[in-house]
């Protein structure tokens, strides 16, 4: 069960990474959205690290 949860978190993290990359390729990226996505990505990373150690 924990593995499925961690896999889901990792998948969401990877999706955000791709979304951020794609947004940054635009001529005028939306800095507000980028900031939101980066915060969410960091939160997911921290959650994965916390739960991965248990």
Protein backbone atom coordinates (compact mmCIF):
# COMPACT_ATOMS: atom_id res chain seq x y z
CA UNK A 1 0.00 0.00 0.00
CA UNK A 2 2.73 2.47 0.94
CA UNK A 3 4.55 1.68 -2.28
CA UNK A 4 1.48 2.51 -4.37
CA UNK A 5 1.13 5.78 -2.49
CA UNK A 6 4.79 6.67 -3.03
CA UNK A 7 4.48 5.74 -6.70
CA UNK A 8 1.48 8.07 -7.03
CA UNK A 9 3.41 10.90 -5.36
CA UNK A 10 6.41 10.29 -7.60
CA UNK A 11 4.17 10.28 -10.67
CA UNK A 12 2.59 13.58 -9.66
CA UNK A 13 6.09 15.02 -9.03
CA UNK A 14 7.23 13.94 -12.50
CA UNK A 15 4.10 15.43 -14.08
CA UNK A 16 4.75 18.74 -12.36
CA UNK A 17 8.38 18.67 -13.50
CA UNK A 18 7.23 18.24 -17.08
CA UNK A 19 4.58 20.94 -16.73
CA UNK A 20 7.13 23.38 -15.31
CA UNK A 21 9.60 22.60 -18.09
CA UNK A 22 6.95 23.11 -20.78
CA UNK A 23 5.78 26.39 -19.27
CA UNK A 24 9.35 27.69 -19.13
CA UNK A 25 9.73 27.02 -22.87
CA UNK A 26 6.95 29.47 -23.70
CA UNK A 27 7.95 32.96 -24.88
CA UNK A 28 6.27 34.56 -21.84
CA UNK A 29 5.90 31.98 -19.07
CA UNK A 30 3.32 32.61 -16.37
CA UNK A 31 5.51 33.32 -13.34
CA UNK A 32 2.61 33.01 -10.89
CA UNK A 33 1.69 29.54 -12.11
CA UNK A 34 5.35 28.51 -12.18
CA UNK A 35 5.75 29.56 -8.55
CA UNK A 36 2.67 27.56 -7.55
CA UNK A 37 3.84 24.46 -9.40
CA UNK A 38 7.35 24.71 -7.96
CA UNK A 39 5.99 24.97 -4.41
CA UNK A 40 3.78 21.95 -5.00
CA UNK A 41 6.69 20.01 -6.51
CA UNK A 42 8.87 20.80 -3.48
CA UNK A 43 6.06 19.78 -1.11
CA UNK A 44 5.71 16.47 -2.95
CA UNK A 45 9.48 15.89 -2.87
CA UNK A 46 9.56 16.47 0.88
CA UNK A 47 6.57 14.18 1.41
CA UNK A 48 8.19 11.43 -0.69
CA UNK A 49 11.40 11.73 1.34
CA UNK A 50 9.53 11.65 4.66
CA UNK A 51 7.37 8.68 3.76
CA UNK A 52 10.17 6.84 2.01
CA UNK A 53 12.20 6.64 5.21
CA UNK A 54 9.42 4.91 7.17
